[in-house]
Amino acid sequence: MTALSLVTHQARYDLRAFRRNTRARIFTLAVPVLLLLILVSLFHSGTVKSGGVTVKIAVYYVPHIAAMAIVGAGLINLLITLVAKRESGSLKRRRATPVPSWVLIAGDATTSVVSSVLIVVVLIAIGSLGFGMPVTGAALGLAAVETVIGAAAFCCLAYALGGLVANAESAGPMVQLSTLPVYFISGIYVPDNELPHWLLDVANVLPVRPMAVALQAAFVPATNGGQRFAALPMLVVLAWGVVGLLIAVRTFSWAPRRA
């Protein structure tokens, strides 16, 4: 079999496992949709300032919740799944098969990327059809590319953090505790014009806010000085992905910690 067919076969298996995992489906797909519906419904007639321009509340929240969804699929869900597989011995057994190790990793990453693209499409559809958010072909294409890049970068971070989590029971609480404050300072829940400038400066060097800023610029270029592609924020996201990859190469383990 060719490398592409191996990855496709493994990704198909992992996607089937994802569909059967109720917890993963609820956390990755249902939570962002519910959060978007609640926030936009509560403030549907309001506006916020973002990037120096005034935008409708739906135009603000759709890309920001989409960024949170990418983190959920690419980082949180993958990290919890990896630790659970490692501690149950599943990763070690799978590595012992004739399938190359990189194919197993590519399958997991593909599942995260596909689920990220799916939920972002759903969120954009809700914003466009339900709340009148303007959507163009150029915006959709750029958002798709940014989603794939962002999901891949957060997958690298998931593999990097996998070596720091001791067991499956602590994976969920640890990752939630670390990401929740980042969501708040990144303007995911509270519009960024309500946050202090110094807090936004901190968030700008973390990967979540740059991901949200890039997605919002794709739909409203005025928030990025008229440029639809936010190059600097995407470079920040890529940098975090590269750092995560370098750490993962040195620290990722296939064997259970208890061993």
Protein backbone atom coordinates (compact mmCIF):
# COMPACT_ATOMS: atom_id res chain seq x y z
CA MET A 1 0.00 0.00 0.00
CA THR A 2 1.13 3.55 -0.70
CA ALA A 3 1.69 6.07 2.07
CA LEU A 4 -1.45 7.96 1.06
CA SER A 5 -3.62 4.85 1.14
CA LEU A 6 -2.24 3.89 4.55
CA VAL A 7 -3.03 7.32 6.01
CA THR A 8 -6.48 7.31 4.38
CA HIS A 9 -7.25 3.87 5.81
CA GLN A 10 -6.06 4.87 9.29
CA ALA A 11 -7.94 8.19 9.18
CA ARG A 12 -11.13 6.38 8.16
CA TYR A 13 -10.77 4.10 11.17
CA ASP A 14 -10.09 7.02 13.54
CA LEU A 15 -13.03 9.02 12.17
CA ARG A 16 -15.31 6.03 12.72
CA ALA A 17 -14.05 5.79 16.31
CA PHE A 18 -14.67 9.54 16.75
CA ARG A 19 -18.27 9.19 15.56
CA ARG A 20 -18.85 6.46 18.12
CA ASN A 21 -17.32 8.49 20.97
CA THR A 22 -20.23 10.38 22.53
CA ARG A 23 -18.02 12.49 24.80
CA ALA A 24 -15.86 13.62 21.90
CA ARG A 25 -18.85 14.47 19.72
CA ILE A 26 -20.55 16.49 22.44
CA PHE A 27 -17.44 18.40 23.46
CA THR A 28 -16.10 18.99 19.95
CA LEU A 29 -19.31 19.60 18.00
CA ALA A 30 -22.24 20.34 20.32
CA VAL A 31 -20.63 22.69 22.86
CA PRO A 32 -19.39 25.33 20.34
CA VAL A 33 -22.77 25.36 18.57
CA LEU A 34 -24.70 25.77 21.82
CA LEU A 35 -22.32 28.47 23.05
CA LEU A 36 -22.64 30.41 19.79
CA LEU A 37 -26.43 30.19 19.84
CA ILE A 38 -26.61 31.35 23.45
CA LEU A 39 -24.20 34.29 23.07
CA VAL A 40 -25.56 35.57 19.77
CA SER A 41 -29.18 35.10 20.84
CA LEU A 42 -28.60 37.08 24.02
CA PHE A 43 -26.93 39.99 22.24
CA HIS A 44 -28.28 39.56 18.69
CA SER A 45 -29.03 43.25 18.16
CA GLY A 46 -25.79 44.52 19.66
CA THR A 47 -22.46 45.53 18.19
CA VAL A 48 -18.89 45.42 19.46
CA LYS A 49 -15.64 47.06 18.46
CA SER A 50 -12.98 44.73 17.14
CA GLY A 51 -9.81 45.74 15.37
CA GLY A 52 -10.87 49.35 15.58
CA VAL A 53 -14.15 48.87 13.68
CA THR A 54 -17.71 48.21 14.80
CA VAL A 55 -19.11 44.79 13.87
CA LYS A 56 -22.33 42.95 14.57
CA ILE A 57 -22.26 40.56 17.50
CA ALA A 58 -22.63 37.50 15.23
CA VAL A 59 -19.74 38.65 13.04
CA TYR A 60 -17.64 38.84 16.19
CA TYR A 61 -18.65 35.61 17.89
CA VAL A 62 -18.68 33.22 14.92
CA PRO A 63 -14.91 33.38 14.24
CA HIS A 64 -14.08 33.52 17.95
CA ILE A 65 -16.18 30.46 18.82
CA ALA A 66 -14.75 28.80 15.70
CA ALA A 67 -11.25 29.36 17.09
CA MET A 68 -12.33 27.77 20.36
CA ALA A 69 -13.76 24.81 18.44
CA ILE A 70 -10.45 24.32 16.61
CA VAL A 71 -8.66 24.26 19.95
CA GLY A 72 -11.21 21.74 21.22
CA ALA A 73 -10.77 19.39 18.25
CA GLY A 74 -7.07 19.84 17.61
CA LEU A 75 -5.74 20.12 21.15
CA ILE A 76 -8.18 19.15 23.90
CA ASN A 77 -9.95 16.18 22.37
CA LEU A 78 -6.77 14.79 20.80
CA LEU A 79 -4.78 15.19 24.03
CA ILE A 80 -7.40 13.38 26.11
CA THR A 81 -7.65 10.62 23.51
CA LEU A 82 -3.88 10.21 23.26
CA VAL A 83 -3.40 9.91 27.01
CA ALA A 84 -6.28 7.44 27.30
CA LYS A 85 -4.83 5.30 24.51
CA ARG A 86 -1.35 5.46 25.98
CA GLU A 87 -2.37 4.50 29.50
CA SER A 88 -4.61 1.65 28.30
CA GLY A 89 -1.71 0.21 26.31
CA SER A 90 -3.49 0.78 23.00
CA LEU A 91 -0.73 3.01 21.60
CA LYS A 92 1.96 0.47 22.46
CA ARG A 93 0.01 -2.38 20.85
CA ARG A 94 -0.72 -0.34 17.74
CA ARG A 95 2.92 0.58 17.38
CA ALA A 96 3.81 -3.11 17.46
CA THR A 97 1.77 -3.70 14.30
CA PRO A 98 3.35 -3.49 10.81
CA VAL A 99 1.73 -0.07 10.30
CA PRO A 100 4.41 2.68 10.53
CA SER A 101 4.20 4.91 13.60
CA TRP A 102 3.90 8.06 11.52
CA VAL A 103 0.76 6.68 9.86
CA LEU A 104 -0.93 6.32 13.26
CA ILE A 105 -0.02 9.91 14.13
CA ALA A 106 -1.19 11.15 10.71
CA GLY A 107 -4.50 9.35 11.20
CA ASP A 108 -5.13 11.06 14.53
CA ALA A 109 -4.11 14.44 13.13
CA THR A 110 -6.35 13.99 10.08
CA THR A 111 -9.31 13.19 12.33
CA SER A 112 -8.72 16.38 14.30
CA VAL A 113 -8.35 18.48 11.15
CA VAL A 114 -11.50 17.04 9.55
CA SER A 115 -13.56 17.55 12.72
CA SER A 116 -12.22 21.12 12.99
CA VAL A 117 -13.23 21.93 9.42
CA LEU A 118 -16.66 20.35 9.98
CA ILE A 119 -17.49 22.36 13.10
CA VAL A 120 -16.19 25.61 11.58
CA VAL A 121 -18.43 25.06 8.54
CA VAL A 122 -21.42 24.46 10.85
CA LEU A 123 -20.69 27.61 12.86
CA ILE A 124 -20.32 29.73 9.71
CA ALA A 125 -23.57 28.31 8.34
CA ILE A 126 -25.38 29.19 11.57
CA GLY A 127 -23.93 32.71 11.54
CA SER A 128 -24.83 33.25 7.89
CA LEU A 129 -28.27 31.63 7.70
CA GLY A 130 -29.43 32.35 11.23
CA PHE A 131 -27.92 35.73 12.03
CA GLY A 132 -27.18 37.36 8.68
CA MET A 133 -23.39 37.24 8.82
CA PRO A 134 -22.01 38.14 5.36
CA VAL A 135 -20.05 35.28 3.79
CA THR A 136 -18.12 35.31 0.50
CA GLY A 137 -16.29 32.61 -1.41
CA ALA A 138 -12.94 34.24 -0.68
CA ALA A 139 -13.72 34.32 3.04
CA LEU A 140 -14.73 30.65 3.05
CA GLY A 141 -11.62 29.56 1.17
CA LEU A 142 -9.26 31.49 3.41
CA ALA A 143 -11.06 30.35 6.57
CA ALA A 144 -10.72 26.73 5.41
CA VAL A 145 -6.97 27.11 4.89
CA GLU A 146 -6.53 28.83 8.26
CA THR A 147 -8.61 26.14 9.98
CA VAL A 148 -6.42 23.37 8.57
CA ILE A 149 -3.22 25.18 9.58
CA GLY A 150 -4.56 25.98 13.04
CA ALA A 151 -5.84 22.45 13.66
CA ALA A 152 -2.49 20.98 12.60
CA ALA A 153 -0.62 23.37 14.93
CA PHE A 154 -2.85 22.49 17.89
CA CYS A 155 -2.37 18.78 17.11
CA CYS A 156 1.38 19.32 17.50
CA LEU A 157 0.72 20.98 20.87
CA ALA A 158 -1.45 18.02 21.90
CA TYR A 159 1.41 15.60 21.25
CA ALA A 160 3.81 17.91 23.08
CA LEU A 161 1.56 18.16 26.15
CA GLY A 162 0.85 14.43 26.08
CA GLY A 163 4.19 13.79 27.76
CA LEU A 164 3.26 16.07 30.68
CA VAL A 165 -0.03 14.35 31.56
CA ALA A 166 0.43 11.37 33.85
CA ASN A 167 -2.91 9.61 33.45
CA ALA A 168 -6.21 9.72 31.61
CA GLU A 169 -8.13 10.93 34.68
CA SER A 170 -6.07 14.11 34.96
CA ALA A 171 -5.98 14.91 31.23
CA GLY A 172 -9.43 16.49 31.06
CA PRO A 173 -9.22 18.69 34.19
CA MET A 174 -5.66 19.76 33.41
CA VAL A 175 -6.36 20.86 29.86
CA GLN A 176 -9.61 22.59 30.82
CA LEU A 177 -7.90 24.44 33.65
CA SER A 178 -5.16 25.65 31.34
CA THR A 179 -7.34 26.65 28.38
CA LEU A 180 -10.25 28.35 30.16
CA PRO A 181 -8.24 31.42 31.31
CA VAL A 182 -6.75 31.68 27.82
CA TYR A 183 -10.25 31.75 26.33
CA PHE A 184 -11.22 34.63 28.60
CA ILE A 185 -8.18 36.81 27.90
CA SER A 186 -8.40 36.02 24.17
CA GLY A 187 -11.87 37.55 23.82
CA ILE A 188 -13.66 34.27 23.18
CA TYR A 189 -16.40 34.84 25.77
CA VAL A 190 -15.98 38.54 26.52
CA PRO A 191 -15.54 40.94 23.55
CA ASP A 192 -11.95 42.09 23.34
CA ASN A 193 -12.91 45.78 23.53
CA GLU A 194 -13.96 45.08 27.12
CA LEU A 195 -10.53 43.70 28.06
CA PRO A 196 -7.47 45.72 29.19
CA HIS A 197 -4.88 46.35 26.49
CA TRP A 198 -2.11 44.69 28.48
CA LEU A 199 -4.18 41.52 28.77
CA LEU A 200 -4.74 41.49 25.02
CA ASP A 201 -0.98 41.91 24.53
CA VAL A 202 -0.45 38.75 26.56
CA ALA A 203 -3.14 36.92 24.58
CA ASN A 204 -1.56 37.98 21.28
CA VAL A 205 1.52 35.84 21.95
CA LEU A 206 -0.62 32.80 22.78
CA PRO A 207 -2.16 30.79 19.94
CA VAL A 208 -5.91 31.17 20.64
CA ARG A 209 -6.42 34.91 20.07
CA PRO A 210 -4.29 35.00 16.87
CA MET A 211 -6.40 32.13 15.53
CA ALA A 212 -9.60 34.08 16.25
CA VAL A 213 -8.17 37.32 14.82
CA ALA A 214 -7.16 35.55 11.59
CA LEU A 215 -10.58 33.96 11.14
CA GLN A 216 -12.36 37.26 11.79
CA ALA A 217 -10.15 39.08 9.29
CA ALA A 218 -11.14 36.52 6.65
CA PHE A 219 -14.77 37.66 6.93
CA VAL A 220 -14.24 41.32 7.90
CA PRO A 221 -10.91 42.55 6.44
CA ALA A 222 -11.49 45.97 8.02
CA THR A 223 -10.65 44.47 11.42
CA ASN A 224 -7.17 43.73 10.06
CA GLY A 225 -6.44 47.03 8.37
CA GLY A 226 -8.25 45.99 5.19
CA GLN A 227 -6.22 42.80 4.72
CA ARG A 228 -8.25 39.58 4.49
CA PHE A 229 -5.24 37.40 5.36
CA ALA A 230 -3.84 38.12 8.84
CA ALA A 231 -0.26 37.04 8.27
CA LEU A 232 1.23 37.89 11.66
CA PRO A 233 -1.44 36.11 13.75
CA MET A 234 -1.12 32.99 11.59
CA LEU A 235 2.66 33.10 12.01
CA VAL A 236 2.12 33.07 15.78
CA VAL A 237 -0.11 30.00 15.44
CA LEU A 238 2.45 28.31 13.19
CA ALA A 239 5.26 29.12 15.61
CA TRP A 240 3.38 27.42 18.44
CA GLY A 241 2.85 24.41 16.20
CA VAL A 242 6.56 24.18 15.37
CA VAL A 243 7.51 24.47 19.03
CA GLY A 244 4.97 21.79 19.91
CA LEU A 245 6.35 19.51 17.20
CA LEU A 246 9.93 19.91 18.43
CA ILE A 247 8.89 19.13 22.00
CA ALA A 248 6.76 16.18 20.92
CA VAL A 249 9.65 14.61 19.01
CA ARG A 250 11.69 14.54 22.24
CA THR A 251 9.04 13.76 24.85
CA PHE A 252 6.19 11.76 23.27
CA SER A 253 5.93 8.22 24.64
CA TRP A 254 4.01 5.22 23.30
CA ALA A 255 4.31 3.25 26.55
CA PRO A 256 2.01 3.72 29.57
CA ARG A 257 3.43 5.87 32.38
CA ARG A 258 2.53 3.22 34.95
CA ALA A 259 4.97 0.87 33.23
